[in-house]
Protein backbone atom coordinates (compact mmCIF):
# COMPACT_ATOMS: atom_id res chain seq x y z
CA MET A 1 0.00 0.00 0.00
CA ASP A 2 1.21 3.52 -0.80
CA ARG A 3 2.39 5.46 2.18
CA THR A 4 1.56 9.11 2.69
CA PRO A 5 4.23 11.54 1.55
CA PRO A 6 6.45 13.15 4.17
CA SER A 7 5.31 16.39 5.73
CA THR A 8 5.08 19.02 3.03
CA GLU A 9 4.57 21.96 5.33
CA ASN A 10 6.77 24.64 3.79
CA ASP A 11 7.49 27.32 6.37
CA ALA A 12 7.66 30.21 3.90
CA ILE A 13 4.43 29.25 2.12
CA GLN A 14 2.65 28.65 5.43
CA LEU A 15 3.80 32.02 6.74
CA TYR A 16 2.48 33.75 3.62
CA GLN A 17 -0.95 32.11 3.96
CA ARG A 18 -1.17 32.77 7.69
CA THR A 19 -0.27 36.41 7.05
CA TYR A 20 -3.02 37.14 4.57
CA TYR A 21 -5.71 35.15 6.40
CA SER A 22 -4.85 36.99 9.62
CA LEU A 23 -4.86 40.42 7.96
CA LEU A 24 -8.11 39.73 6.08
CA LYS A 25 -9.88 39.61 9.45
CA SER A 26 -9.32 43.35 9.88
CA THR A 27 -12.43 45.49 9.52
CA ARG A 28 -10.33 48.11 7.68
CA GLY A 29 -9.23 45.69 5.01
CA LEU A 30 -5.85 44.38 3.98
CA ARG A 31 -3.23 46.48 2.22
CA VAL A 32 -1.48 44.29 -0.31
CA ARG A 33 1.83 46.02 0.43
CA SER A 34 1.70 44.09 3.74
CA LEU A 35 2.06 40.84 1.79
CA GLU A 36 4.91 41.75 -0.54
CA GLU A 37 7.69 40.61 1.80
CA THR A 38 6.20 37.19 2.64
CA HIS A 39 5.10 36.71 -0.97
CA GLY A 40 8.68 37.10 -2.15
CA ALA A 41 10.10 35.03 0.69
CA MET A 42 8.17 31.90 -0.32
CA ALA A 43 10.14 31.85 -3.64
CA SER A 44 7.17 30.80 -5.74
CA SER A 45 8.15 28.77 -8.78
CA LEU A 46 5.94 31.12 -10.83
CA HIS A 47 7.41 34.31 -9.35
CA THR A 48 11.11 33.67 -8.99
CA LYS A 49 12.14 37.34 -9.26
CA ALA A 50 9.70 38.76 -6.74
CA HIS A 51 12.53 40.18 -4.60
CA SER A 52 14.62 41.23 -7.58
CA PRO A 53 14.55 44.78 -9.02
CA GLU A 54 14.35 43.09 -12.44
CA ILE A 55 10.87 42.86 -13.95
CA ASP A 56 9.63 39.26 -13.89
CA MET A 57 7.76 39.07 -17.20
CA SER A 58 6.56 35.50 -16.65
CA ALA A 59 4.98 36.43 -13.32
CA LEU A 60 3.49 39.65 -14.71
CA VAL A 61 1.91 37.82 -17.65
CA TYR A 62 0.62 35.01 -15.43
CA ALA A 63 -0.93 37.35 -12.86
CA TYR A 64 -2.39 39.86 -15.32
CA GLN A 65 -4.16 37.16 -17.33
CA ARG A 66 -5.95 36.04 -14.18
CA LEU A 67 -7.12 39.54 -13.30
CA PRO A 68 -9.58 41.78 -15.18
CA PRO A 69 -7.99 44.42 -17.48
CA CYS A 70 -9.20 47.24 -15.23
CA ILE A 71 -6.92 46.07 -12.42
CA ALA A 72 -4.38 48.87 -12.97
CA GLU A 73 -7.18 51.40 -12.40
CA THR A 74 -8.43 49.68 -9.23
CA SER A 75 -7.89 50.88 -5.67
CA VAL A 76 -10.24 48.69 -3.60
CA VAL A 77 -11.07 45.01 -4.12
CA LEU A 78 -14.14 43.47 -2.50
CA MET A 79 -14.64 39.69 -2.28
CA GLY A 80 -17.97 38.03 -1.55
CA GLN A 81 -20.03 35.01 -2.54
CA MET A 82 -23.38 36.47 -3.64
CA GLN A 83 -25.18 39.71 -4.38
CA SER A 84 -26.79 39.58 -0.93
CA VAL A 85 -23.34 39.50 0.70
CA PHE A 86 -22.31 42.70 -1.12
CA ALA A 87 -25.67 44.31 -0.30
CA ARG A 88 -25.26 43.63 3.43
CA ALA A 89 -21.84 45.30 3.27
CA GLY A 90 -23.31 48.47 1.74
CA PHE A 91 -22.94 47.70 -1.99
CA PRO A 92 -26.52 46.83 -3.07
CA GLU A 93 -26.05 47.63 -6.78
CA VAL A 94 -22.82 45.76 -7.42
CA GLU A 95 -24.27 43.75 -10.33
CA SER A 96 -25.21 46.99 -12.08
CA TRP A 97 -21.52 47.94 -12.28
CA GLN A 98 -19.52 47.21 -15.42
CA ARG A 99 -19.07 43.46 -15.93
CA VAL A 100 -15.40 42.67 -16.55
CA LYS A 101 -13.59 39.39 -17.15
CA ALA A 102 -10.15 37.91 -16.59
CA PRO A 103 -8.68 36.35 -19.76
CA ALA A 104 -7.52 33.14 -18.05
CA ARG A 105 -9.77 32.72 -15.01
CA ARG A 106 -13.52 32.15 -14.76
CA ARG A 107 -14.70 34.43 -11.97
CA LYS A 108 -17.43 37.06 -11.88
CA PHE A 109 -16.04 40.59 -11.62
CA TYR A 110 -17.82 43.95 -11.57
CA PHE A 111 -16.03 47.31 -11.73
CA ASN A 112 -17.09 50.70 -10.43
CA GLY A 113 -14.77 52.95 -12.43
CA GLU A 114 -15.87 56.16 -10.71
CA GLU A 115 -14.87 54.87 -7.27
CA ARG A 116 -12.16 52.48 -8.54
CA ILE A 117 -13.77 49.50 -6.77
CA LEU A 118 -13.55 45.96 -8.12
CA ALA A 119 -16.04 43.35 -6.84
CA ALA A 120 -14.93 39.72 -7.15
CA PHE A 121 -17.38 36.86 -6.58
CA ILE A 122 -15.64 33.98 -4.80
CA SER A 123 -16.90 30.41 -4.54
CA SER A 124 -14.46 28.83 -2.07
CA VAL A 125 -11.32 29.41 -0.05
CA SER A 126 -9.35 28.47 -3.18
CA ASP A 127 -10.46 31.72 -4.80
CA ILE A 128 -8.68 33.60 -2.03
CA ASP A 129 -5.58 31.39 -2.34
CA ASP A 130 -5.58 32.01 -6.09
CA PHE A 131 -6.74 35.62 -6.42
CA LEU A 132 -4.74 37.26 -3.62
CA PRO A 133 -1.29 35.91 -4.69
CA CYS A 134 -2.05 36.98 -8.28
CA LEU A 135 -3.00 40.44 -7.03
CA THR A 136 0.20 40.64 -4.97
CA ALA A 137 2.36 39.46 -7.87
CA PHE A 138 0.82 42.07 -10.16
CA GLN A 139 1.34 44.85 -7.60
CA ILE A 140 4.99 43.90 -7.11
CA GLU A 141 5.69 43.90 -10.85
CA TRP A 142 3.68 47.08 -11.53
CA LYS A 143 5.69 48.87 -8.86
CA LYS A 144 8.89 47.84 -10.61
CA ILE A 145 7.60 49.31 -13.87
CA HIS A 146 6.57 52.51 -12.09
CA ARG A 147 9.94 52.79 -10.35
CA LYS A 148 12.01 52.23 -13.49
CA LEU A 149 9.99 54.74 -15.52
CA SER A 150 10.22 57.31 -12.72
CA MET A 151 14.01 57.08 -12.73
CA HIS A 152 14.37 57.53 -16.51
CA SER A 153 14.17 60.65 -18.64
CA VAL A 154 11.48 59.08 -20.83
CA LYS A 155 8.95 59.85 -18.09
CA GLU A 156 9.06 63.58 -18.92
CA ARG A 157 8.17 62.84 -22.53
CA LEU A 158 5.27 60.65 -21.51
CA ILE A 159 3.60 62.93 -18.95
CA SER A 160 4.20 66.34 -20.49
CA PRO A 161 1.26 68.22 -22.08
CA ALA A 162 2.88 67.67 -25.46
CA SER A 163 3.35 63.91 -24.98
CA PRO A 164 2.32 61.74 -27.94
CA THR A 165 -1.08 60.07 -27.77
CA PRO A 166 -1.13 56.23 -27.74
CA ASP A 167 -1.71 56.07 -31.50
CA GLN A 168 1.30 58.34 -32.10
CA TRP A 169 3.88 56.08 -30.48
CA ASP A 170 6.62 55.12 -32.93
CA GLU A 171 9.36 52.52 -32.75
CA SER A 172 11.94 54.98 -31.43
CA LEU A 173 9.73 55.82 -28.42
CA LEU A 174 9.01 52.13 -27.84
CA GLU A 175 12.74 51.45 -27.86
CA GLU A 176 13.28 54.21 -25.30
CA VAL A 177 10.62 52.67 -23.06
CA ARG A 178 12.23 49.23 -23.44
CA ILE A 179 15.58 50.65 -22.32
CA ALA A 180 13.94 52.44 -19.39
CA LEU A 181 12.34 49.17 -18.24
CA GLU A 182 15.66 47.34 -18.70
CA LEU A 183 13.96 44.59 -20.68
CA GLY A 184 15.54 42.47 -23.37
CA THR A 185 13.93 42.36 -26.79
CA GLU A 186 12.17 39.05 -26.11
CA ASP A 187 10.67 40.19 -22.80
CA PHE A 188 9.60 43.52 -24.28
CA ASP A 189 7.85 41.65 -27.08
CA ARG A 190 6.02 39.66 -24.41
CA LEU A 191 4.95 42.93 -22.78
CA ARG A 192 3.68 44.18 -26.14
CA GLY A 193 1.79 40.91 -26.52
CA LEU A 194 0.26 41.33 -23.06
CA TRP A 195 -0.86 44.88 -23.87
CA PRO A 196 -1.28 44.85 -27.68
CA GLY A 197 -1.65 47.93 -29.85
CA LYS A 198 -2.55 51.14 -28.02
CA LYS A 199 -2.91 49.26 -24.72
CA LEU A 200 0.85 49.24 -24.25
CA ALA A 201 1.08 53.03 -24.48
CA THR A 202 -1.97 53.43 -22.25
CA HIS A 203 -0.55 51.19 -19.53
CA ILE A 204 2.95 52.65 -19.70
CA MET A 205 1.59 56.19 -19.40
CA MET A 206 -0.60 55.05 -16.51
CA ALA A 207 2.39 53.44 -14.80
CA CYS A 208 4.32 56.72 -15.10
CA SER A 209 1.72 58.65 -13.13
CA ARG A 210 0.08 55.99 -10.96
CA ASN A 211 1.45 53.39 -8.60
CA VAL A 212 -0.80 50.74 -7.10
CA ASP A 213 -1.52 49.83 -3.49
CA PHE A 214 -4.61 47.65 -3.38
CA GLU A 215 -6.90 47.44 -0.38
CA VAL A 216 -8.69 44.08 -0.12
CA ARG A 217 -11.76 43.22 1.92
CA VAL A 218 -13.42 39.80 2.26
CA LEU A 219 -17.06 40.54 3.05
CA ALA A 220 -17.99 36.99 4.10
CA GLY A 221 -15.97 33.80 4.14
CA SER A 222 -17.71 31.12 6.19
CA MET A 223 -18.45 27.59 4.95
CA SER A 224 -22.12 28.48 5.27
CA ASP A 225 -21.69 31.38 2.84
CA TYR A 226 -20.02 29.12 0.29
CA ARG A 227 -22.77 26.50 0.64
CA LYS A 228 -25.45 29.14 0.09
CA ALA A 229 -23.72 30.27 -3.09
CA PHE A 230 -23.79 26.74 -4.51
CA GLN A 231 -27.37 26.22 -3.43
CA ALA A 232 -28.25 29.33 -5.44
CA TRP A 233 -26.23 27.95 -8.36
CA TRP A 234 -28.13 24.64 -8.29
CA LYS A 235 -31.48 26.40 -7.96
CA ARG A 236 -30.68 28.28 -11.15
CA VAL A 237 -29.82 25.01 -12.94
CA GLU A 238 -33.17 23.55 -11.87
CA GLU A 239 -35.07 26.67 -12.93
CA VAL A 240 -33.63 26.55 -16.45
CA THR A 241 -34.52 22.85 -16.88
CA PRO A 242 -37.91 22.40 -15.13
CA ARG A 243 -39.16 19.68 -17.49
CA ILE A 244 -36.28 17.32 -16.70
CA CYS A 245 -36.82 17.20 -12.91
CA LEU A 246 -33.21 16.66 -11.95
CA ARG A 247 -34.04 15.32 -8.49
CA GLU A 248 -35.57 12.23 -10.09
CA ARG A 249 -32.81 11.55 -12.62
CA PRO A 250 -29.69 9.39 -12.23
CA VAL A 251 -26.66 11.38 -13.36
CA TYR A 252 -23.28 10.83 -14.94
CA PHE A 253 -21.23 13.73 -13.56
CA VAL A 254 -18.55 15.17 -15.85
CA SER A 255 -16.18 18.00 -14.91
CA SER A 256 -14.42 19.19 -18.05
CA ASN A 257 -15.26 22.16 -20.27
CA VAL A 258 -18.31 23.40 -22.18
CA HIS A 259 -17.26 22.75 -25.77
CA SER A 260 -15.72 19.31 -26.35
CA LEU A 261 -18.52 17.02 -25.13
CA VAL A 262 -21.12 19.08 -27.00
CA ASN A 263 -19.13 18.88 -30.22
CA LEU A 264 -18.76 15.11 -29.96
CA VAL A 265 -22.51 14.46 -29.76
CA THR A 266 -23.83 17.00 -32.29
CA THR A 267 -23.37 17.37 -36.03
CA ALA A 268 -20.94 20.27 -35.63
CA ALA A 269 -18.05 18.70 -37.57
CA GLY A 270 -20.21 17.72 -40.55
CA ASP A 271 -22.36 20.86 -40.64
CA LEU A 272 -19.47 23.29 -40.36
CA ARG A 273 -16.84 21.44 -42.37
CA GLU A 274 -16.90 23.53 -45.56
CA GLN A 275 -17.44 26.82 -43.71
CA VAL A 276 -14.48 26.16 -41.44
CA PHE A 277 -12.26 25.05 -44.30
CA SER A 278 -13.08 28.23 -46.20
CA TYR A 279 -12.46 30.35 -43.11
CA ILE A 280 -9.04 28.76 -42.50
CA ARG A 281 -7.98 29.28 -46.11
CA SER A 282 -9.02 32.94 -46.03
CA ASN A 283 -7.99 34.00 -42.52
CA ASP A 284 -5.27 31.58 -41.35
CA PRO A 285 -6.36 31.79 -37.67
CA GLU A 286 -3.44 31.31 -35.27
CA GLU A 287 -1.31 30.35 -38.31
CA LEU A 288 -3.10 27.00 -38.65
CA LYS A 289 -3.42 27.06 -42.44
CA THR A 290 -0.26 25.00 -43.09
CA TYR A 291 -1.28 22.41 -40.49
CA PHE A 292 -4.75 22.30 -42.06
CA GLU A 293 -3.37 21.64 -45.53
CA ASP A 294 -1.12 18.87 -44.19
CA ILE A 295 -3.87 16.98 -42.35
CA VAL A 296 -6.28 17.23 -45.29
CA VAL A 297 -3.67 15.48 -47.43
CA GLU A 298 -3.04 12.98 -44.61
CA GLY A 299 -6.79 12.31 -44.35
CA ASP A 300 -6.86 11.63 -40.57
CA ALA A 301 -10.52 12.13 -39.58
CA VAL A 302 -9.67 12.63 -35.90
CA LYS A 303 -7.24 15.49 -36.62
CA ILE A 304 -9.61 17.07 -39.15
CA ASN A 305 -12.59 16.97 -36.78
CA ASN A 306 -10.49 18.36 -33.91
CA LEU A 307 -9.48 21.30 -36.12
CA ILE A 308 -13.09 21.90 -37.18
CA TYR A 309 -14.23 21.89 -33.57
CA TYR A 310 -11.51 24.33 -32.57
CA CYS A 311 -11.98 26.76 -35.46
CA SER A 312 -15.78 26.68 -35.30
CA LYS A 313 -15.52 29.07 -32.33
CA PHE A 314 -14.24 31.76 -34.69
CA LEU A 315 -17.24 31.29 -36.99
CA ILE A 316 -19.76 31.27 -34.17
CA GLY A 317 -18.16 34.37 -32.67
CA GLU A 318 -18.15 36.28 -35.95
CA ASN A 319 -21.62 35.24 -37.10
CA THR A 320 -23.59 35.99 -33.96
CA PRO A 321 -26.50 35.85 -33.48
CA ASP A 322 -26.86 33.57 -36.52
CA GLY A 323 -23.96 31.31 -35.47
CA LEU A 324 -25.23 31.04 -31.90
CA GLU A 325 -28.74 30.30 -33.14
CA LYS A 326 -27.51 27.42 -35.31
CA GLN A 327 -25.45 26.09 -32.43
CA ALA A 328 -28.48 26.22 -30.12
CA ARG A 329 -30.57 24.37 -32.72
CA ARG A 330 -28.00 21.57 -33.04
CA GLU A 331 -27.81 21.19 -29.28
CA SER A 332 -31.59 21.20 -28.83
CA LEU A 333 -32.00 18.38 -31.37
CA SER A 334 -29.51 16.32 -29.32
CA GLY A 335 -31.28 16.95 -26.00
CA ILE A 336 -28.71 19.38 -24.63
CA HIS A 337 -29.65 22.19 -22.24
CA ARG A 338 -27.25 24.99 -21.26
CA VAL A 339 -27.18 27.05 -18.08
CA SER A 340 -24.73 29.66 -19.32
CA ASP A 341 -24.99 32.36 -16.65
CA PRO A 342 -25.84 30.79 -13.29
CA HIS A 343 -26.09 33.00 -10.23
CA SER A 344 -22.96 33.92 -8.25
CA ILE A 345 -20.81 30.97 -9.30
CA ASP A 346 -19.24 31.36 -12.74
CA VAL A 347 -19.53 27.66 -13.58
CA GLU A 348 -21.54 26.90 -16.71
CA ALA A 349 -23.58 23.69 -16.67
CA GLN A 350 -24.88 21.49 -19.49
CA ILE A 351 -27.48 18.76 -19.21
CA PHE A 352 -27.53 15.97 -21.82
CA GLU A 353 -30.60 13.74 -22.01
CA LEU A 354 -29.11 10.42 -23.07
CA SER A 355 -32.39 9.23 -24.55
CA LYS A 356 -32.26 12.05 -27.11
CA LEU A 357 -28.76 11.48 -28.45
CA VAL A 358 -28.80 10.68 -32.17
CA ARG A 359 -26.38 8.05 -33.40
CA ALA A 360 -25.95 9.74 -36.78
CA ASN A 361 -24.79 12.93 -35.04
CA ILE A 362 -22.11 11.29 -32.90
CA ASP A 363 -18.45 11.81 -33.78
CA PRO A 364 -17.28 8.54 -35.45
CA ARG A 365 -14.65 7.92 -32.75
CA ASN A 366 -17.51 7.59 -30.23
CA ASP A 367 -19.79 5.30 -32.24
CA VAL A 368 -19.00 2.32 -29.99
CA LEU A 369 -22.47 0.77 -29.55
CA THR A 370 -24.40 -1.73 -31.63
CA ALA A 371 -27.77 -0.85 -33.15
CA GLU A 372 -29.47 -2.81 -30.38
CA GLU A 373 -27.53 -0.93 -27.71
CA TRP A 374 -28.40 2.43 -29.29
CA ALA A 375 -32.06 1.41 -29.21
CA SER A 376 -31.75 0.73 -25.47
CA ILE A 377 -30.19 4.17 -24.90
CA ALA A 378 -33.40 5.69 -26.28
CA GLU A 379 -35.19 4.26 -23.22
CA SER A 380 -32.74 5.76 -20.73
CA ASP A 381 -33.81 8.09 -17.94
CA ALA A 382 -30.22 9.11 -17.19
CA ILE A 383 -28.57 12.44 -17.88
CA ILE A 384 -25.03 13.68 -18.23
CA LEU A 385 -24.38 16.76 -16.11
CA ASN A 386 -21.32 18.40 -17.62
CA ILE A 387 -19.86 21.41 -15.82
CA ASP A 388 -17.06 23.82 -16.66
CA TYR A 389 -14.56 22.61 -14.10
CA PRO A 390 -14.41 24.82 -10.99
CA LEU A 391 -11.32 26.03 -9.13
CA GLY A 392 -9.92 24.14 -6.16
CA MET A 393 -12.23 23.76 -3.16
CA ALA A 394 -15.20 24.93 -5.25
CA ALA A 395 -15.12 21.37 -6.64
CA TYR A 396 -15.92 20.04 -3.14
CA HIS A 397 -18.91 22.34 -2.68
CA LEU A 398 -20.20 21.73 -6.20
CA PHE A 399 -20.13 17.92 -6.15
CA SER A 400 -21.56 17.89 -2.63
CA GLN A 401 -24.49 19.91 -3.92
CA VAL A 402 -24.98 17.72 -7.01
CA SER A 403 -24.70 14.36 -5.22
CA SER A 404 -27.29 15.43 -2.63
CA SER A 405 -29.69 16.85 -5.23
CA CYS A 406 -29.93 14.11 -7.88
CA ALA A 407 -31.57 10.69 -7.63
CA SER A 408 -28.23 8.86 -7.85
CA VAL A 409 -24.73 9.16 -9.27
CA LEU A 410 -23.90 6.63 -11.99
CA GLY A 411 -20.38 7.82 -12.72
CA PHE A 412 -17.88 10.53 -11.78
CA TYR A 413 -15.43 11.79 -14.42
CA ALA A 414 -13.07 14.77 -14.17
CA VAL A 415 -10.62 15.96 -16.79
CA GLY A 416 -8.50 19.08 -16.70
CA LYS A 417 -5.10 20.73 -16.88
CA ALA A 418 -2.20 19.94 -14.56
CA ALA A 419 1.54 20.41 -14.20
CA THR A 420 3.75 17.40 -14.85
CA LEU A 421 7.09 16.82 -13.14
CA ASN A 422 8.37 14.20 -15.57
CA GLY A 423 6.49 14.59 -18.87
CA ARG A 424 6.00 17.14 -21.61
CA VAL A 425 3.33 19.71 -22.38
CA GLY A 426 0.47 17.83 -24.04
CA ASP A 427 1.07 14.51 -22.25
CA LEU A 428 -1.76 12.82 -20.34
CA MET A 429 -1.62 11.52 -16.76
CA ILE A 430 -4.12 9.02 -15.31
CA PRO A 431 -3.71 8.84 -11.50
CA ASN A 432 -4.92 6.20 -9.06
CA VAL A 433 -3.40 7.94 -6.03
CA VAL A 434 -4.20 11.54 -5.03
CA HIS A 435 -2.70 13.39 -2.10
CA ASP A 436 -4.82 16.37 -1.05
CA GLU A 437 -2.98 19.30 0.54
CA HIS A 438 -6.25 20.72 1.92
CA THR A 439 -7.04 17.72 4.14
CA ARG A 440 -3.64 15.94 4.01
CA ASN A 441 -5.51 12.79 3.00
CA THR A 442 -4.05 10.36 0.48
CA PHE A 443 -6.81 8.75 -1.61
CA LEU A 444 -6.33 5.34 -3.21
CA PHE A 445 -8.90 4.40 -5.86
CA ASN A 446 -9.47 2.36 -8.98
CA ASN A 447 -9.36 4.77 -11.92
CA CYS A 448 -11.78 3.41 -14.53
CA PHE A 449 -9.49 4.66 -17.33
CA THR A 450 -6.26 3.13 -18.57
CA ALA A 451 -3.73 4.46 -21.04
CA ASN A 452 -5.31 2.40 -23.83
CA ASP A 453 -8.68 4.11 -23.37
CA VAL A 454 -7.17 7.49 -24.22
CA ALA A 455 -4.36 6.53 -26.61
CA ARG A 456 -6.96 5.18 -29.05
CA THR A 457 -7.69 8.70 -30.36
CA LEU A 458 -4.60 10.61 -29.17
CA ARG A 459 -2.41 11.81 -32.01
CA THR A 460 0.33 13.69 -30.15
CA GLY A 461 1.81 13.34 -26.69
CA ASP A 462 2.10 10.28 -24.45
CA VAL A 463 -0.23 8.73 -21.88
CA PHE A 464 0.89 7.61 -18.43
CA ASP A 465 -1.48 5.66 -16.19
CA ASN A 466 -1.00 4.44 -12.60
CA GLN A 467 0.29 7.91 -11.69
CA LYS A 468 0.28 9.75 -8.35
CA ALA A 469 -1.20 13.25 -8.22
CA VAL A 470 -1.02 15.98 -5.60
CA THR A 471 -3.76 18.57 -5.19
CA VAL A 472 -2.27 21.93 -4.20
CA LYS A 473 -3.95 24.98 -2.68
CA GLY A 474 -2.87 27.40 -5.39
CA THR A 475 -0.64 27.63 -8.45
CA LEU A 476 1.48 30.43 -6.97
CA LEU A 477 1.66 28.68 -3.59
CA GLN A 478 4.42 26.31 -4.67
CA ASN A 479 8.17 26.47 -4.84
CA ARG A 480 10.87 24.16 -6.13
CA GLU A 481 11.51 22.68 -2.68
CA PHE A 482 7.82 21.77 -2.42
CA MET A 483 7.78 20.14 -5.87
CA HIS A 484 11.03 18.22 -5.41
CA LEU A 485 9.76 16.77 -2.15
CA PHE A 486 6.77 15.25 -3.92
CA TYR A 487 8.82 14.21 -6.92
CA GLN A 488 11.09 12.16 -4.65
CA GLU A 489 7.99 10.28 -3.45
CA GLY A 490 6.84 9.51 -6.99
CA TYR A 491 4.21 12.24 -7.31
CA THR A 492 4.42 13.63 -10.84
CA ASP A 493 1.00 15.24 -11.39
CA ILE A 494 0.16 18.60 -9.76
CA GLU A 495 -3.36 20.05 -9.99
CA MET A 496 -6.09 21.71 -7.91
CA GLU A 497 -9.43 19.84 -8.04
CA ALA A 498 -8.97 16.07 -7.58
CA GLY A 499 -8.56 16.17 -3.78
CA PRO A 500 -11.67 18.31 -3.11
CA TYR A 501 -13.69 16.17 -5.54
CA LEU A 502 -12.63 12.96 -3.80
CA CYS A 503 -13.48 14.43 -0.39
CA ALA A 504 -17.01 15.19 -1.60
CA LEU A 505 -17.23 11.77 -3.28
CA TYR A 506 -16.22 10.10 -0.01
CA GLU A 507 -19.05 11.89 1.79
CA ALA A 508 -21.49 10.86 -0.95
CA VAL A 509 -20.95 7.16 -0.18
CA GLN A 510 -20.03 7.21 3.53
CA PRO A 511 -22.13 8.12 6.61
CA ARG A 512 -19.53 10.56 7.94
CA ARG A 513 -17.49 13.58 6.95
CA HIS A 514 -14.21 13.02 5.14
CA PRO A 515 -11.28 12.32 7.48
CA LEU A 516 -8.08 14.33 7.88
CA ASN A 517 -4.48 13.21 7.46
CA GLU A 518 -5.35 9.60 6.61
CA ILE A 519 -4.82 7.07 3.86
CA VAL A 520 -8.32 6.68 2.42
CA SER A 521 -9.06 3.65 0.27
CA LEU A 522 -12.08 4.06 -2.01
CA PHE A 523 -11.79 0.61 -3.61
CA PRO A 524 -14.70 -1.23 -1.89
CA ASN A 525 -16.92 1.73 -1.10
CA VAL A 526 -17.83 3.51 -4.35
CA PRO A 527 -20.56 1.81 -6.44
CA PHE A 528 -19.85 3.82 -9.58
CA ASP A 529 -16.96 4.80 -11.87
CA ILE A 530 -14.23 7.17 -10.73
CA GLY A 531 -12.38 8.55 -13.73
CA LEU A 532 -9.64 11.19 -13.51
CA ILE A 533 -7.49 12.30 -16.46
CA HIS A 534 -5.13 15.28 -16.51
CA TYR A 535 -3.37 16.84 -19.48
CA ALA A 536 -0.07 18.59 -18.94
CA SER A 537 0.01 22.35 -19.44
CA ASP A 538 3.21 23.06 -17.53
CA THR A 539 6.59 21.48 -16.75
CA PRO A 540 7.72 23.49 -13.70
CA ILE A 541 10.83 21.51 -12.79
CA SER A 542 12.35 21.15 -16.25
CA ARG A 543 11.65 24.82 -17.03
CA HIS A 544 10.83 23.95 -20.62
CA GLU A 545 8.04 25.93 -22.28
CA ASN A 546 5.03 26.18 -20.00
CA LEU A 547 1.51 27.22 -20.84
CA LEU A 548 0.47 28.60 -17.49
CA SER A 549 1.33 32.11 -18.71
CA LYS A 550 -0.75 31.77 -21.87
CA SER A 551 -3.76 29.94 -23.25
CA MET A 552 -3.19 26.38 -24.39
CA SER A 553 -5.04 27.33 -27.60
CA PHE A 554 -4.75 24.69 -30.32
CA GLN A 555 -1.93 22.89 -28.50
CA GLY A 556 -4.45 21.52 -26.03
CA VAL A 557 -7.07 20.35 -28.55
CA ASP A 558 -5.72 16.84 -29.17
CA ALA A 559 -5.51 16.05 -25.44
CA THR A 560 -8.90 17.64 -24.77
CA TYR A 561 -10.77 15.56 -27.32
CA ALA A 562 -8.89 12.34 -26.57
CA THR A 563 -9.88 12.60 -22.90
CA THR A 564 -13.47 13.71 -23.55
CA SER A 565 -13.90 10.93 -26.10
CA ALA A 566 -12.76 8.36 -23.53
CA VAL A 567 -15.31 9.72 -21.04
CA LEU A 568 -18.18 9.69 -23.56
CA CYS A 569 -17.40 6.13 -24.71
CA ARG A 570 -17.32 4.96 -21.11
CA ILE A 571 -20.68 6.56 -20.33
CA LEU A 572 -22.37 5.16 -23.44
CA LYS A 573 -21.11 1.63 -22.77
CA ASN A 574 -22.10 1.76 -19.10
CA GLU A 575 -25.56 3.10 -19.88
CA ALA A 576 -26.17 0.46 -22.55
CA LYS A 577 -25.19 -2.17 -19.97
CA ARG A 578 -27.50 -0.58 -17.38
CA GLN A 579 -30.41 -0.65 -19.84
CA LYS A 580 -29.81 -4.25 -20.91
CA PRO A 581 -32.08 -5.89 -18.27
CA LYS A 582 -34.96 -3.71 -19.49
CA THR A 583 -34.84 -5.02 -23.07
């Protein structure tokens, strides 16, 4: 039997967390400048130059992408679970403020530009452990930019009444700014990519005249508040789908994304094929035209369909509302219901009625049933509940709500991104051991997936099963010492949701709350599938290219559809088997 890993309590990381949780109790709010010292001292693997006067472009890009674009204009940040929480604190109209979004993090934000207040809706303690370090990292790096510009003569050119407007910036001025920031050409190009076009000039001019010192207030943070938020989320899901009566339906629970499963069960690839091909030839999105031409010659249906699925988002986005209307029609014909804007929690849900799936509309890689088995599926009362995977401990609250609100759980499947300590970006890891840093439990379970289940439709990357994963509290709350300690014990898969999910799953099948600091075997106790698959988006130890500071974009498509296909095939086969006694 696997033994638990040695104590992973890292003094610097623990000190950082204790500092901000202690200061957040203050009725006056927390000044982020109070966290800068302990933030730097933990030597985060994603913010290695926190204490250096040199601008850490990787950390700046990572943090900024997980914050709304208005962050540089913000003075006060409020965190709460629901509208009622903000109202009780004296902000009754928060949802009437400007809705803003972070490029790489699903979280509801509203901005009051007049008072420079940003409202962030949080769904669990993980939102604090994620959002606050990102905010601190951004403040540290913004201050460096402000300081370097203030010490250089270029500042006078930028703030004088005769300074050029953002659309008047030329390459000579950009070069002067690059020298002032002491950035190499590559890093300055990354800054220009972060703030493209006029945004670079706007942010640089803002940094000349404005430093940042955020004040943060958590308006409510009890377990009860988080539960209420998810109860409101589930109520919204039920309201949107009254005819289905979710409380009477057995459910296959899937935590993944809101595009791949839908594409695999509708006619999207066939219907959009010629439109997408024409679009790629004319527009060359993300420089995919050469790849497109190669795979058409190769004739690999899996690669072609993956490309169609990926590029269809450009068509739907450009042809709204017509594109969205066609998409809605395809989904309706396949018995799919969307809950795209649930209350408080920014987690989209989709409900698939298995009885309404049409065999002719299924992606060929998932046509794994006989005609007789498909006929039995038409008699099914089961649904697939697919949710856009939540962050960290929100997974615990969400699955607890679902498992207590549906008739029964027939299968649990979770796929998502992770860091790998021994593989490459794009590889897949299938764990059967998960150590959870929240509870210090080590879960042992029978993963229903093997490498062969996924490799069947995987075209790039490798698959590793029988792996050991560790669930961490936050992406910035790690350092190389922390990762090496786990690596020595054979843990090669780092992510944020598996542990909380397994804690909730334990409580769904046991008469007591999940334990703490124990080895927990789920082998004899769970009467349904447990399936976990992670695809690598980062290689933090090797320091090869990582994708945490940018979107995976097309690089993640092959892994996404290979994993989702494995999940869909498993569900269809299990449901056909469940229906067999009825025929």
